[in-house]
Amino acid sequence: MAKTTKGKGRKDVREESRKKGLLAGGSAVVTGVAAATIGFVPMTIAGVGATGFFTYRWIKHRAKNGIRF
């Protein structure tokens, strides 16, 4: 017989969303600090791109799972 698995619970989904949010926020802070202290433009552009990507994934995850902001 096939064993059925239960989907993620609400608590697990919210914890995953929290982790993705912390990653997005952390990358924004690191990008801002690096841009302010180092000022190297290509690294700043790459950091902004990475921050945008992580933020998009976080927002998409929240919307998919019906989590309000």
Protein backbone atom coordinates (compact mmCIF):
# COMPACT_ATOMS: atom_id res chain seq x y z
CA MET A 1 0.00 0.00 0.00
CA ALA A 2 1.06 3.51 -0.70
CA LYS A 3 1.79 5.57 2.35
CA THR A 4 0.10 8.95 2.27
CA THR A 5 1.99 11.92 3.53
CA LYS A 6 0.49 14.94 5.12
CA GLY A 7 1.18 18.36 3.63
CA LYS A 8 2.96 21.08 5.50
CA GLY A 9 1.10 22.45 8.45
CA ARG A 10 0.36 26.13 8.93
CA LYS A 11 3.14 26.43 11.50
CA ASP A 12 5.69 24.96 9.09
CA VAL A 13 4.60 27.28 6.28
CA ARG A 14 4.85 30.35 8.53
CA GLU A 15 8.30 29.26 9.74
CA GLU A 16 9.47 28.85 6.15
CA SER A 17 8.07 32.29 5.33
CA ARG A 18 9.91 33.75 8.31
CA LYS A 19 13.20 32.28 7.10
CA LYS A 20 12.69 33.61 3.58
CA GLY A 21 11.83 37.04 4.98
CA LEU A 22 14.94 37.09 7.13
CA LEU A 23 17.05 36.14 4.12
CA ALA A 24 15.51 38.93 2.02
CA GLY A 25 15.92 41.49 4.82
CA GLY A 26 19.44 40.37 5.60
CA SER A 27 20.53 40.66 2.00
CA ALA A 28 19.07 44.19 1.86
CA VAL A 29 21.02 45.20 4.96
CA VAL A 30 24.26 43.68 3.70
CA THR A 31 23.83 45.37 0.32
CA GLY A 32 23.19 48.73 1.98
CA VAL A 33 26.17 48.44 4.30
CA ALA A 34 28.47 47.29 1.51
CA ALA A 35 27.33 50.11 -0.76
CA ALA A 36 27.84 52.70 1.98
CA THR A 37 31.26 51.49 3.10
CA ILE A 38 32.86 50.04 -0.01
CA GLY A 39 30.97 51.92 -2.71
CA PHE A 40 31.94 49.48 -5.46
CA VAL A 41 29.17 49.96 -8.04
CA PRO A 42 29.15 46.49 -9.72
CA MET A 43 28.94 44.80 -6.32
CA THR A 44 26.11 47.12 -5.31
CA ILE A 45 24.18 46.32 -8.49
CA ALA A 46 24.65 42.59 -7.90
CA GLY A 47 23.50 43.01 -4.30
CA VAL A 48 20.38 44.88 -5.36
CA GLY A 49 19.63 42.13 -7.86
CA ALA A 50 20.03 39.42 -5.24
CA THR A 51 17.90 41.35 -2.77
CA GLY A 52 15.17 41.74 -5.38
CA PHE A 53 15.27 38.02 -6.15
CA PHE A 54 15.00 36.97 -2.50
CA THR A 55 12.24 39.50 -1.83
CA TYR A 56 10.30 38.26 -4.85
CA ARG A 57 10.57 34.65 -3.65
CA TRP A 58 9.40 35.67 -0.17
CA ILE A 59 6.38 37.62 -1.44
CA LYS A 60 5.48 34.84 -3.89
CA HIS A 61 5.67 32.26 -1.07
CA ARG A 62 3.42 34.36 1.18
CA ALA A 63 0.86 34.92 -1.57
CA LYS A 64 0.83 31.24 -2.56
CA ASN A 65 0.14 30.18 1.02
CA GLY A 66 -2.37 32.92 1.82
CA ILE A 67 -0.27 34.66 4.44
CA ARG A 68 -1.16 38.31 4.95
CA PHE A 69 1.35 41.10 5.30
